[in-house]
Amino acid sequence: MTALETHPAGIVFSGGQWQSTGAVSSGNNDAIITVYAPALTAWQLEKVSDALAPVATLSGFRLHALSGKFHETVVTGSLKTADVPALKPLLEKLAESLRVDVVVQAARPSLSAPGLLVMDMDSTIIQIECIDEIAKLAGLGDKVAAVTEKAMRGELAFSESLISRVACLKGVPVSQLAQIRDSIPLMPGVVPLVSVLKEHGWKIAVASGGFTYFADHVKERLGLDAAFSNTLKTDGDVLAGEVTGEIVDAEVKARMVESLASEWQIPMSQTVAMGDGANDLVMMAKAALGVACHAKPLVREKADTAIRFSGLHGMLYLLAD
């Protein structure tokens, strides 16, 4: 199985081969299917087409305008189906078995018009959970990480879990937080994602259940437009084991999507929310497009779409080109 070669616009993949049949048409009520992987093959596309055939009508695939830009082959097509959400179990199975990202979406914000992306921070923009890293400094890493995992799966109320986890951090020297801040690993693909969106006039914000110490740093590092997160209370030069002010929970995150869109005069149809945990589901539902990124199973199930294998730049493929 060889990777697909690059083909010019107007060439579509249909019936197991590339054909000169013009661009894939898309009716007003059609869903859009996007398939992408570093070395996407014709065999994989045939498997996707065959699996969808009993439940949807696929017009064929064309190369996405961004195909090859980030060293991935990306194809998209028009799909007639009565129920997009009902396809999720099939898409999950296809993605896992073929090791490709397969997305079907009804809402598709446009890259060519100003928009708003609101992202979670921990395990979304960055590869770590900052609270777990702080807990390691206090010798409580395993204990706090277990609570974090339950909260992200939706098994614990976020605010309650945050308060209990932060209480474990009492006495950690504030100076030690710099060790974590200065070595934060960004999630693959976030830099090109931000760069391309900014080039097209999009606004980008962080809405995090984490902490301002790290969120403000990430905002400045990536040149984002806003950051909202929780503030750790200090007692002299150590953490007090408490947070101050309103806790940034699921409802606050969702409110940020709406308020920022209003502040920047961006229509809600041009909003995207991205995250990995149950605490992100409400803001995903509020936005026109909710994207689960390397997320827990519950989040993938409930979000509009999911990025399973690609970097964060994969979100760009989900925008109208």
C-alpha atoms as a PDB file:
ATOM      1  CA  MET A   1       0.000   0.000   0.000  1.00  0.00           C
ATOM      2  CA  THR A   2       1.604   3.224  -1.138  1.00  0.00           C
ATOM      3  CA  ALA A   3       0.774   6.722   0.011  1.00  0.00           C
ATOM      4  CA  LEU A   4      -1.450   8.823  -2.221  1.00  0.00           C
ATOM      5  CA  GLU A   5       0.344  11.083  -4.641  1.00  0.00           C
ATOM      6  CA  THR A   6      -0.550  14.747  -4.981  1.00  0.00           C
ATOM      7  CA  HIS A   7      -3.208  15.417  -7.595  1.00  0.00           C
ATOM      8  CA  PRO A   8      -4.417  18.763  -8.973  1.00  0.00           C
ATOM      9  CA  ALA A   9      -7.694  20.394  -7.990  1.00  0.00           C
ATOM     10  CA  GLY A  10     -10.660  18.965  -9.876  1.00  0.00           C
ATOM     11  CA  ILE A  11      -9.375  15.382  -9.584  1.00  0.00           C
ATOM     12  CA  VAL A  12     -11.464  13.184  -7.279  1.00  0.00           C
ATOM     13  CA  PHE A  13     -10.913   9.791  -5.693  1.00  0.00           C
ATOM     14  CA  SER A  14     -13.962   7.643  -6.446  1.00  0.00           C
ATOM     15  CA  GLY A  15     -14.490   3.987  -7.205  1.00  0.00           C
ATOM     16  CA  GLY A  16     -11.005   3.121  -6.008  1.00  0.00           C
ATOM     17  CA  GLN A  17      -9.118   5.465  -8.316  1.00  0.00           C
ATOM     18  CA  TRP A  18      -8.445   9.111  -9.150  1.00  0.00           C
ATOM     19  CA  GLN A  19     -10.739  10.410 -11.892  1.00  0.00           C
ATOM     20  CA  SER A  20     -11.003  13.645 -13.888  1.00  0.00           C
ATOM     21  CA  THR A  21     -14.614  14.296 -12.950  1.00  0.00           C
ATOM     22  CA  GLY A  22     -14.400  17.810 -11.561  1.00  0.00           C
ATOM     23  CA  ALA A  23     -14.596  19.010  -7.978  1.00  0.00           C
ATOM     24  CA  VAL A  24     -16.720  17.174  -5.453  1.00  0.00           C
ATOM     25  CA  SER A  25     -20.080  18.891  -5.245  1.00  0.00           C
ATOM     26  CA  SER A  26     -21.571  19.802  -1.907  1.00  0.00           C
ATOM     27  CA  GLY A  27     -25.262  20.467  -1.400  1.00  0.00           C
ATOM     28  CA  ASN A  28     -26.515  22.884   1.223  1.00  0.00           C
ATOM     29  CA  ASN A  29     -27.657  20.055   3.496  1.00  0.00           C
ATOM     30  CA  ASP A  30     -24.684  17.761   2.960  1.00  0.00           C
ATOM     31  CA  ALA A  31     -22.259  16.846   5.708  1.00  0.00           C
ATOM     32  CA  ILE A  32     -18.527  17.059   5.087  1.00  0.00           C
ATOM     33  CA  ILE A  33     -16.186  14.119   5.592  1.00  0.00           C
ATOM     34  CA  THR A  34     -12.471  14.716   6.108  1.00  0.00           C
ATOM     35  CA  VAL A  35      -9.844  11.959   6.225  1.00  0.00           C
ATOM     36  CA  TYR A  36      -6.180  12.608   6.958  1.00  0.00           C
ATOM     37  CA  ALA A  37      -2.952  10.858   7.905  1.00  0.00           C
ATOM     38  CA  PRO A  38       0.788  11.277   7.279  1.00  0.00           C
ATOM     39  CA  ALA A  39       0.766   8.538   4.618  1.00  0.00           C
ATOM     40  CA  LEU A  40      -2.877   8.146   3.582  1.00  0.00           C
ATOM     41  CA  THR A  41      -3.374   5.317   1.094  1.00  0.00           C
ATOM     42  CA  ALA A  42      -5.962   4.504  -1.558  1.00  0.00           C
ATOM     43  CA  TRP A  43      -6.647   1.284   0.349  1.00  0.00           C
ATOM     44  CA  GLN A  44      -7.573   3.259   3.476  1.00  0.00           C
ATOM     45  CA  LEU A  45      -9.930   5.502   1.487  1.00  0.00           C
ATOM     46  CA  GLU A  46     -11.595   2.457  -0.037  1.00  0.00           C
ATOM     47  CA  LYS A  47     -12.118   1.022   3.445  1.00  0.00           C
ATOM     48  CA  VAL A  48     -13.720   4.296   4.584  1.00  0.00           C
ATOM     49  CA  SER A  49     -15.964   4.416   1.503  1.00  0.00           C
ATOM     50  CA  ASP A  50     -17.017   0.778   1.872  1.00  0.00           C
ATOM     51  CA  ALA A  51     -17.833   1.183   5.569  1.00  0.00           C
ATOM     52  CA  LEU A  52     -19.979   4.271   4.960  1.00  0.00           C
ATOM     53  CA  ALA A  53     -21.809   2.895   1.912  1.00  0.00           C
ATOM     54  CA  PRO A  54     -24.679   1.214   3.845  1.00  0.00           C
ATOM     55  CA  VAL A  55     -25.514   4.352   5.852  1.00  0.00           C
ATOM     56  CA  ALA A  56     -24.498   7.339   3.701  1.00  0.00           C
ATOM     57  CA  THR A  57     -23.878   8.453   0.132  1.00  0.00           C
ATOM     58  CA  LEU A  58     -20.328   9.652  -0.511  1.00  0.00           C
ATOM     59  CA  SER A  59     -19.673  11.652  -3.671  1.00  0.00           C
ATOM     60  CA  GLY A  60     -15.936  10.946  -3.684  1.00  0.00           C
ATOM     61  CA  PHE A  61     -12.867  12.631  -2.196  1.00  0.00           C
ATOM     62  CA  ARG A  62     -10.857  15.632  -3.317  1.00  0.00           C
ATOM     63  CA  LEU A  63      -7.599  16.907  -1.891  1.00  0.00           C
ATOM     64  CA  HIS A  64      -8.030  19.561   0.782  1.00  0.00           C
ATOM     65  CA  ALA A  65      -6.367  22.903   0.043  1.00  0.00           C
ATOM     66  CA  LEU A  66      -3.999  22.308   2.989  1.00  0.00           C
ATOM     67  CA  SER A  67      -3.060  18.760   1.966  1.00  0.00           C
ATOM     68  CA  GLY A  68       0.700  18.363   2.224  1.00  0.00           C
ATOM     69  CA  LYS A  69       1.271  21.644   4.071  1.00  0.00           C
ATOM     70  CA  PHE A  70       1.888  19.880   7.382  1.00  0.00           C
ATOM     71  CA  HIS A  71       3.268  16.623   5.948  1.00  0.00           C
ATOM     72  CA  GLU A  72      -0.129  14.933   5.930  1.00  0.00           C
ATOM     73  CA  THR A  73      -2.398  13.907   3.072  1.00  0.00           C
ATOM     74  CA  VAL A  74      -5.863  15.389   3.608  1.00  0.00           C
ATOM     75  CA  VAL A  75      -8.950  14.588   1.552  1.00  0.00           C
ATOM     76  CA  THR A  76     -12.486  15.826   1.938  1.00  0.00           C
ATOM     77  CA  GLY A  77     -15.824  14.992   0.380  1.00  0.00           C
ATOM     78  CA  SER A  78     -19.560  15.548   0.478  1.00  0.00           C
ATOM     79  CA  LEU A  79     -21.656  13.045   2.407  1.00  0.00           C
ATOM     80  CA  LYS A  80     -25.429  12.651   2.364  1.00  0.00           C
ATOM     81  CA  THR A  81     -26.661  11.119   5.590  1.00  0.00           C
ATOM     82  CA  ALA A  82     -29.790  11.455   7.682  1.00  0.00           C
ATOM     83  CA  ASP A  83     -28.016  11.525  11.044  1.00  0.00           C
ATOM     84  CA  VAL A  84     -24.413  12.727  11.481  1.00  0.00           C
ATOM     85  CA  PRO A  85     -24.206  11.951  15.252  1.00  0.00           C
ATOM     86  CA  ALA A  86     -25.302   8.364  14.559  1.00  0.00           C
ATOM     87  CA  LEU A  87     -22.115   7.852  12.545  1.00  0.00           C
ATOM     88  CA  LYS A  88     -19.829   8.422  15.553  1.00  0.00           C
ATOM     89  CA  PRO A  89     -19.421   4.756  16.599  1.00  0.00           C
ATOM     90  CA  LEU A  90     -18.575   3.814  13.018  1.00  0.00           C
ATOM     91  CA  LEU A  91     -16.091   6.683  12.686  1.00  0.00           C
ATOM     92  CA  GLU A  92     -14.439   5.692  15.979  1.00  0.00           C
ATOM     93  CA  LYS A  93     -14.038   2.124  14.748  1.00  0.00           C
ATOM     94  CA  LEU A  94     -12.681   3.251  11.364  1.00  0.00           C
ATOM     95  CA  ALA A  95     -10.194   5.670  12.907  1.00  0.00           C
ATOM     96  CA  GLU A  96      -8.820   3.103  15.335  1.00  0.00           C
ATOM     97  CA  SER A  97      -8.598   0.249  12.838  1.00  0.00           C
ATOM     98  CA  LEU A  98      -7.059   2.306   9.999  1.00  0.00           C
ATOM     99  CA  ARG A  99      -5.005   4.641  12.231  1.00  0.00           C
ATOM    100  CA  VAL A 100      -6.298   7.709  10.399  1.00  0.00           C
ATOM    101  CA  ASP A 101      -8.356  10.690  11.488  1.00  0.00           C
ATOM    102  CA  VAL A 102     -11.885  10.476  10.062  1.00  0.00           C
ATOM    103  CA  VAL A 103     -14.270  13.352  10.724  1.00  0.00           C
ATOM    104  CA  VAL A 104     -17.850  13.958   9.599  1.00  0.00           C
ATOM    105  CA  GLN A 105     -19.300  17.341  10.426  1.00  0.00           C
ATOM    106  CA  ALA A 106     -22.425  19.348   9.689  1.00  0.00           C
ATOM    107  CA  ALA A 107     -21.179  22.732  10.923  1.00  0.00           C
ATOM    108  CA  ARG A 108     -18.065  24.018   9.179  1.00  0.00           C
ATOM    109  CA  PRO A 109     -16.759  27.488  10.103  1.00  0.00           C
ATOM    110  CA  SER A 110     -14.784  29.218   7.376  1.00  0.00           C
ATOM    111  CA  LEU A 111     -11.054  29.893   7.525  1.00  0.00           C
ATOM    112  CA  SER A 112     -11.486  32.788   5.096  1.00  0.00           C
ATOM    113  CA  ALA A 113     -13.639  34.823   7.521  1.00  0.00           C
ATOM    114  CA  PRO A 114     -12.710  36.072  11.020  1.00  0.00           C
ATOM    115  CA  GLY A 115     -13.437  33.527  13.712  1.00  0.00           C
ATOM    116  CA  LEU A 116     -12.826  32.577  17.341  1.00  0.00           C
ATOM    117  CA  LEU A 117     -11.030  29.541  18.758  1.00  0.00           C
ATOM    118  CA  VAL A 118     -11.267  28.915  22.509  1.00  0.00           C
ATOM    119  CA  MET A 119      -8.986  26.158  23.796  1.00  0.00           C
ATOM    120  CA  ASP A 120      -8.395  24.325  27.022  1.00  0.00           C
ATOM    121  CA  MET A 121      -4.763  24.452  28.151  1.00  0.00           C
ATOM    122  CA  ASP A 122      -3.676  21.338  30.089  1.00  0.00           C
ATOM    123  CA  SER A 123      -3.361  18.291  27.809  1.00  0.00           C
ATOM    124  CA  THR A 124      -4.662  20.379  24.906  1.00  0.00           C
ATOM    125  CA  ILE A 125      -2.368  23.335  24.185  1.00  0.00           C
ATOM    126  CA  ILE A 126       0.331  21.786  26.360  1.00  0.00           C
ATOM    127  CA  GLN A 127       1.248  18.143  26.908  1.00  0.00           C
ATOM    128  CA  ILE A 128       1.059  18.146  30.706  1.00  0.00           C
ATOM    129  CA  GLU A 129      -1.426  18.709  33.540  1.00  0.00           C
ATOM    130  CA  CYS A 130       0.211  21.518  35.499  1.00  0.00           C
ATOM    131  CA  ILE A 131      -1.505  20.660  38.764  1.00  0.00           C
ATOM    132  CA  ASP A 132      -0.092  17.136  38.567  1.00  0.00           C
ATOM    133  CA  GLU A 133       3.390  18.523  37.997  1.00  0.00           C
ATOM    134  CA  ILE A 134       3.089  20.809  41.039  1.00  0.00           C
ATOM    135  CA  ALA A 135       1.879  17.853  43.087  1.00  0.00           C
ATOM    136  CA  LYS A 136       5.002  15.915  42.140  1.00  0.00           C
ATOM    137  CA  LEU A 137       7.047  18.677  43.735  1.00  0.00           C
ATOM    138  CA  ALA A 138       5.042  18.128  46.916  1.00  0.00           C
ATOM    139  CA  GLY A 139       5.551  14.362  46.763  1.00  0.00           C
ATOM    140  CA  LEU A 140       1.850  13.770  46.035  1.00  0.00           C
ATOM    141  CA  GLY A 141       1.989  13.206  42.296  1.00  0.00           C
ATOM    142  CA  ASP A 142       0.190   9.855  42.119  1.00  0.00           C
ATOM    143  CA  LYS A 143      -2.568  10.893  44.506  1.00  0.00           C
ATOM    144  CA  VAL A 144      -3.409  14.123  42.690  1.00  0.00           C
ATOM    145  CA  ALA A 145      -3.023  12.599  39.213  1.00  0.00           C
ATOM    146  CA  ALA A 146      -5.631   9.962  40.065  1.00  0.00           C
ATOM    147  CA  VAL A 147      -8.137  12.662  41.039  1.00  0.00           C
ATOM    148  CA  THR A 148      -7.310  14.654  37.890  1.00  0.00           C
ATOM    149  CA  GLU A 149      -7.976  11.608  35.719  1.00  0.00           C
ATOM    150  CA  LYS A 150     -11.371  11.025  37.341  1.00  0.00           C
ATOM    151  CA  ALA A 151     -12.312  14.683  36.884  1.00  0.00           C
ATOM    152  CA  MET A 152     -11.341  14.680  33.205  1.00  0.00           C
ATOM    153  CA  ARG A 153     -13.438  11.547  32.640  1.00  0.00           C
ATOM    154  CA  GLY A 154     -16.425  13.326  34.190  1.00  0.00           C
ATOM    155  CA  GLU A 155     -16.547  11.086  37.263  1.00  0.00           C
ATOM    156  CA  LEU A 156     -16.078  14.004  39.693  1.00  0.00           C
ATOM    157  CA  ALA A 157     -17.468  17.538  39.774  1.00  0.00           C
ATOM    158  CA  PHE A 158     -14.658  19.742  38.496  1.00  0.00           C
ATOM    159  CA  SER A 159     -14.863  22.509  41.119  1.00  0.00           C
ATOM    160  CA  GLU A 160     -14.932  20.002  43.963  1.00  0.00           C
ATOM    161  CA  SER A 161     -11.994  18.075  42.558  1.00  0.00           C
ATOM    162  CA  LEU A 162      -9.994  21.256  41.962  1.00  0.00           C
ATOM    163  CA  ILE A 163     -10.439  22.454  45.539  1.00  0.00           C
ATOM    164  CA  SER A 164      -9.359  19.081  46.953  1.00  0.00           C
ATOM    165  CA  ARG A 165      -6.345  18.828  44.659  1.00  0.00           C
ATOM    166  CA  VAL A 166      -5.184  22.391  45.308  1.00  0.00           C
ATOM    167  CA  ALA A 167      -5.403  21.760  49.066  1.00  0.00           C
ATOM    168  CA  CYS A 168      -2.682  19.130  48.591  1.00  0.00           C
ATOM    169  CA  LEU A 169      -0.351  21.820  47.233  1.00  0.00           C
ATOM    170  CA  LYS A 170      -0.192  23.795  50.474  1.00  0.00           C
ATOM    171  CA  GLY A 171       3.383  24.686  51.349  1.00  0.00           C
ATOM    172  CA  VAL A 172       4.908  24.259  47.891  1.00  0.00           C
ATOM    173  CA  PRO A 173       7.351  27.152  47.311  1.00  0.00           C
ATOM    174  CA  VAL A 174       6.083  29.526  44.624  1.00  0.00           C
ATOM    175  CA  SER A 175       9.605  29.671  43.217  1.00  0.00           C
ATOM    176  CA  GLN A 176       9.367  25.994  42.246  1.00  0.00           C
ATOM    177  CA  LEU A 177       6.544  26.736  39.799  1.00  0.00           C
ATOM    178  CA  ALA A 178       9.104  28.307  37.486  1.00  0.00           C
ATOM    179  CA  GLN A 179      10.674  24.864  36.983  1.00  0.00           C
ATOM    180  CA  ILE A 180       7.415  23.706  35.416  1.00  0.00           C
ATOM    181  CA  ARG A 181       6.662  26.928  33.533  1.00  0.00           C
ATOM    182  CA  ASP A 182      10.068  27.093  31.874  1.00  0.00           C
ATOM    183  CA  SER A 183       9.902  23.529  30.570  1.00  0.00           C
ATOM    184  CA  ILE A 184       6.257  23.301  29.480  1.00  0.00           C
ATOM    185  CA  PRO A 185       6.051  21.112  26.345  1.00  0.00           C
ATOM    186  CA  LEU A 186       3.634  22.475  23.759  1.00  0.00           C
ATOM    187  CA  MET A 187       1.273  20.073  22.037  1.00  0.00           C
ATOM    188  CA  PRO A 188       2.436  19.192  18.503  1.00  0.00           C
ATOM    189  CA  GLY A 189       0.756  21.334  15.888  1.00  0.00           C
ATOM    190  CA  VAL A 190      -0.298  24.198  18.149  1.00  0.00           C
ATOM    191  CA  VAL A 191       2.271  26.650  16.744  1.00  0.00           C
ATOM    192  CA  PRO A 192       1.196  26.268  13.082  1.00  0.00           C
ATOM    193  CA  LEU A 193      -2.459  26.223  14.164  1.00  0.00           C
ATOM    194  CA  VAL A 194      -2.098  29.593  15.868  1.00  0.00           C
ATOM    195  CA  SER A 195       0.009  31.015  13.037  1.00  0.00           C
ATOM    196  CA  VAL A 196      -2.456  30.125  10.276  1.00  0.00           C
ATOM    197  CA  LEU A 197      -5.501  31.274  12.232  1.00  0.00           C
ATOM    198  CA  LYS A 198      -3.882  34.617  13.058  1.00  0.00           C
ATOM    199  CA  GLU A 199      -2.975  35.090   9.387  1.00  0.00           C
ATOM    200  CA  HIS A 200      -6.669  34.765   8.599  1.00  0.00           C
ATOM    201  CA  GLY A 201      -7.864  37.217  11.238  1.00  0.00           C
ATOM    202  CA  TRP A 202      -9.001  34.742  13.872  1.00  0.00           C
ATOM    203  CA  LYS A 203      -8.969  35.436  17.614  1.00  0.00           C
ATOM    204  CA  ILE A 204      -7.600  32.747  19.935  1.00  0.00           C
ATOM    205  CA  ALA A 205      -8.182  32.408  23.675  1.00  0.00           C
ATOM    206  CA  VAL A 206      -7.352  30.019  26.503  1.00  0.00           C
ATOM    207  CA  ALA A 207     -10.139  29.007  28.884  1.00  0.00           C
ATOM    208  CA  SER A 208      -8.477  26.770  31.437  1.00  0.00           C
ATOM    209  CA  GLY A 209      -9.343  25.066  34.673  1.00  0.00           C
ATOM    210  CA  GLY A 210      -5.614  25.341  35.377  1.00  0.00           C
ATOM    211  CA  PHE A 211      -3.759  28.312  36.765  1.00  0.00           C
ATOM    212  CA  THR A 212      -2.962  31.861  35.682  1.00  0.00           C
ATOM    213  CA  TYR A 213       0.739  31.372  36.438  1.00  0.00           C
ATOM    214  CA  PHE A 214       0.951  28.987  33.493  1.00  0.00           C
ATOM    215  CA  ALA A 215      -1.923  30.192  31.290  1.00  0.00           C
ATOM    216  CA  ASP A 216      -0.578  33.746  31.135  1.00  0.00           C
ATOM    217  CA  HIS A 217       2.837  32.366  30.184  1.00  0.00           C
ATOM    218  CA  VAL A 218       1.327  30.235  27.395  1.00  0.00           C
ATOM    219  CA  LYS A 219      -0.688  33.225  26.172  1.00  0.00           C
ATOM    220  CA  GLU A 220       2.447  35.339  25.836  1.00  0.00           C
ATOM    221  CA  ARG A 221       4.535  32.508  24.399  1.00  0.00           C
ATOM    222  CA  LEU A 222       2.052  31.836  21.580  1.00  0.00           C
ATOM    223  CA  GLY A 223       0.781  35.386  21.109  1.00  0.00           C
ATOM    224  CA  LEU A 224      -2.817  34.547  22.002  1.00  0.00           C
ATOM    225  CA  ASP A 225      -5.504  37.169  22.486  1.00  0.00           C
ATOM    226  CA  ALA A 226      -6.861  36.252  25.930  1.00  0.00           C
ATOM    227  CA  ALA A 227      -6.439  33.780  28.782  1.00  0.00           C
ATOM    228  CA  PHE A 228      -8.821  32.843  31.591  1.00  0.00           C
ATOM    229  CA  SER A 229      -7.857  30.472  34.404  1.00  0.00           C
ATOM    230  CA  ASN A 230      -7.730  30.061  38.178  1.00  0.00           C
ATOM    231  CA  THR A 231      -5.499  32.021  40.554  1.00  0.00           C
ATOM    232  CA  LEU A 232      -3.500  30.164  43.184  1.00  0.00           C
ATOM    233  CA  LYS A 233      -3.558  31.893  46.571  1.00  0.00           C
ATOM    234  CA  THR A 234      -0.170  32.365  48.192  1.00  0.00           C
ATOM    235  CA  ASP A 235       0.928  32.703  51.805  1.00  0.00           C
ATOM    236  CA  GLY A 236       4.163  34.614  51.661  1.00  0.00           C
ATOM    237  CA  ASP A 237       6.446  32.675  49.347  1.00  0.00           C
ATOM    238  CA  VAL A 238       4.525  29.375  49.429  1.00  0.00           C
ATOM    239  CA  LEU A 239       1.188  28.176  48.063  1.00  0.00           C
ATOM    240  CA  ALA A 240      -1.696  28.474  50.503  1.00  0.00           C
ATOM    241  CA  GLY A 241      -3.545  25.435  49.161  1.00  0.00           C
ATOM    242  CA  GLU A 242      -6.473  27.497  47.883  1.00  0.00           C
ATOM    243  CA  VAL A 243      -7.644  29.320  44.761  1.00  0.00           C
ATOM    244  CA  THR A 244      -9.015  32.855  44.814  1.00  0.00           C
ATOM    245  CA  GLY A 245     -11.897  34.310  42.820  1.00  0.00           C
ATOM    246  CA  GLU A 246     -14.385  32.523  40.583  1.00  0.00           C
ATOM    247  CA  ILE A 247     -13.383  29.003  39.601  1.00  0.00           C
ATOM    248  CA  VAL A 248     -13.092  28.564  35.850  1.00  0.00           C
ATOM    249  CA  ASP A 249     -15.294  25.506  35.448  1.00  0.00           C
ATOM    250  CA  ALA A 250     -17.297  24.142  32.512  1.00  0.00           C
ATOM    251  CA  GLU A 251     -19.983  26.829  32.684  1.00  0.00           C
ATOM    252  CA  VAL A 252     -17.456  29.664  32.868  1.00  0.00           C
ATOM    253  CA  LYS A 253     -15.603  28.269  29.862  1.00  0.00           C
ATOM    254  CA  ALA A 254     -18.835  28.178  27.860  1.00  0.00           C
ATOM    255  CA  ARG A 255     -19.636  31.728  28.903  1.00  0.00           C
ATOM    256  CA  MET A 256     -16.238  32.828  27.620  1.00  0.00           C
ATOM    257  CA  VAL A 257     -17.037  31.534  24.131  1.00  0.00           C
ATOM    258  CA  GLU A 258     -20.181  33.632  24.000  1.00  0.00           C
ATOM    259  CA  SER A 259     -18.770  36.764  25.629  1.00  0.00           C
ATOM    260  CA  LEU A 260     -15.580  36.826  23.546  1.00  0.00           C
ATOM    261  CA  ALA A 261     -17.530  36.306  20.333  1.00  0.00           C
ATOM    262  CA  SER A 262     -19.727  39.248  21.295  1.00  0.00           C
ATOM    263  CA  GLU A 263     -16.774  41.425  22.342  1.00  0.00           C
ATOM    264  CA  TRP A 264     -14.913  40.798  19.083  1.00  0.00           C
ATOM    265  CA  GLN A 265     -18.075  40.888  16.940  1.00  0.00           C
ATOM    266  CA  ILE A 266     -17.612  37.349  15.669  1.00  0.00           C
ATOM    267  CA  PRO A 267     -20.767  35.411  14.719  1.00  0.00           C
ATOM    268  CA  MET A 268     -21.339  32.246  16.743  1.00  0.00           C
ATOM    269  CA  SER A 269     -21.310  30.329  13.450  1.00  0.00           C
ATOM    270  CA  GLN A 270     -17.590  31.165  13.291  1.00  0.00           C
ATOM    271  CA  THR A 271     -16.674  29.802  16.735  1.00  0.00           C
ATOM    272  CA  VAL A 272     -14.689  26.667  17.609  1.00  0.00           C
ATOM    273  CA  ALA A 273     -13.984  25.189  21.053  1.00  0.00           C
ATOM    274  CA  MET A 274     -11.301  22.551  21.600  1.00  0.00           C
ATOM    275  CA  GLY A 275     -10.425  20.456  24.634  1.00  0.00           C
ATOM    276  CA  ASP A 276      -9.709  17.000  26.000  1.00  0.00           C
ATOM    277  CA  GLY A 277     -11.740  16.635  29.199  1.00  0.00           C
ATOM    278  CA  ALA A 278     -15.328  16.458  30.403  1.00  0.00           C
ATOM    279  CA  ASN A 279     -14.878  19.992  31.737  1.00  0.00           C
ATOM    280  CA  ASP A 280     -14.687  21.179  28.104  1.00  0.00           C
ATOM    281  CA  LEU A 281     -17.938  19.670  26.843  1.00  0.00           C
ATOM    282  CA  VAL A 282     -20.188  22.607  27.710  1.00  0.00           C
ATOM    283  CA  MET A 283     -18.044  25.109  25.803  1.00  0.00           C
ATOM    284  CA  MET A 284     -17.817  22.640  22.908  1.00  0.00           C
ATOM    285  CA  ALA A 285     -21.612  22.521  22.797  1.00  0.00           C
ATOM    286  CA  LYS A 286     -21.804  26.313  22.893  1.00  0.00           C
ATOM    287  CA  ALA A 287     -19.466  26.797  19.907  1.00  0.00           C
ATOM    288  CA  ALA A 288     -20.485  26.103  16.325  1.00  0.00           C
ATOM    289  CA  LEU A 289     -17.854  23.359  16.213  1.00  0.00           C
ATOM    290  CA  GLY A 290     -16.621  21.382  19.217  1.00  0.00           C
ATOM    291  CA  VAL A 291     -13.358  19.498  18.718  1.00  0.00           C
ATOM    292  CA  ALA A 292     -12.161  16.794  21.103  1.00  0.00           C
ATOM    293  CA  CYS A 293      -8.374  16.640  20.909  1.00  0.00           C
ATOM    294  CA  HIS A 294      -6.602  13.433  21.997  1.00  0.00           C
ATOM    295  CA  ALA A 295      -9.514  13.208  24.394  1.00  0.00           C
ATOM    296  CA  LYS A 296     -11.071  10.807  26.836  1.00  0.00           C
ATOM    297  CA  PRO A 297     -13.686   8.401  25.324  1.00  0.00           C
ATOM    298  CA  LEU A 298     -16.631  10.262  26.880  1.00  0.00           C
ATOM    299  CA  VAL A 299     -15.449  13.525  25.352  1.00  0.00           C
ATOM    300  CA  ARG A 300     -14.912  12.015  21.891  1.00  0.00           C
ATOM    301  CA  GLU A 301     -18.401  10.557  22.072  1.00  0.00           C
ATOM    302  CA  LYS A 302     -20.121  13.833  22.921  1.00  0.00           C
ATOM    303  CA  ALA A 303     -18.055  16.349  20.916  1.00  0.00           C
ATOM    304  CA  ASP A 304     -18.966  17.255  17.343  1.00  0.00           C
ATOM    305  CA  THR A 305     -15.646  15.971  16.039  1.00  0.00           C
ATOM    306  CA  ALA A 306     -12.410  14.468  17.327  1.00  0.00           C
ATOM    307  CA  ILE A 307      -8.717  14.668  16.468  1.00  0.00           C
ATOM    308  CA  ARG A 308      -7.244  11.315  17.441  1.00  0.00           C
ATOM    309  CA  PHE A 309      -3.802  11.068  15.856  1.00  0.00           C
ATOM    310  CA  SER A 310      -2.878  14.375  14.214  1.00  0.00           C
ATOM    311  CA  GLY A 311      -1.446  17.412  15.942  1.00  0.00           C
ATOM    312  CA  LEU A 312      -3.585  20.422  16.796  1.00  0.00           C
ATOM    313  CA  HIS A 313      -3.062  21.784  13.283  1.00  0.00           C
ATOM    314  CA  GLY A 314      -5.572  19.103  12.252  1.00  0.00           C
ATOM    315  CA  MET A 315      -8.314  21.525  13.296  1.00  0.00           C
ATOM    316  CA  LEU A 316      -7.477  23.619  10.230  1.00  0.00           C
ATOM    317  CA  TYR A 317      -8.636  20.776   7.992  1.00  0.00           C
ATOM    318  CA  LEU A 318     -12.092  21.036   9.564  1.00  0.00           C
ATOM    319  CA  LEU A 319     -12.612  24.606   8.386  1.00  0.00           C
ATOM    320  CA  ALA A 320     -14.077  25.504   5.004  1.00  0.00           C
ATOM    321  CA  ASP A 321     -11.211  26.264   2.628  1.00  0.00           C
END
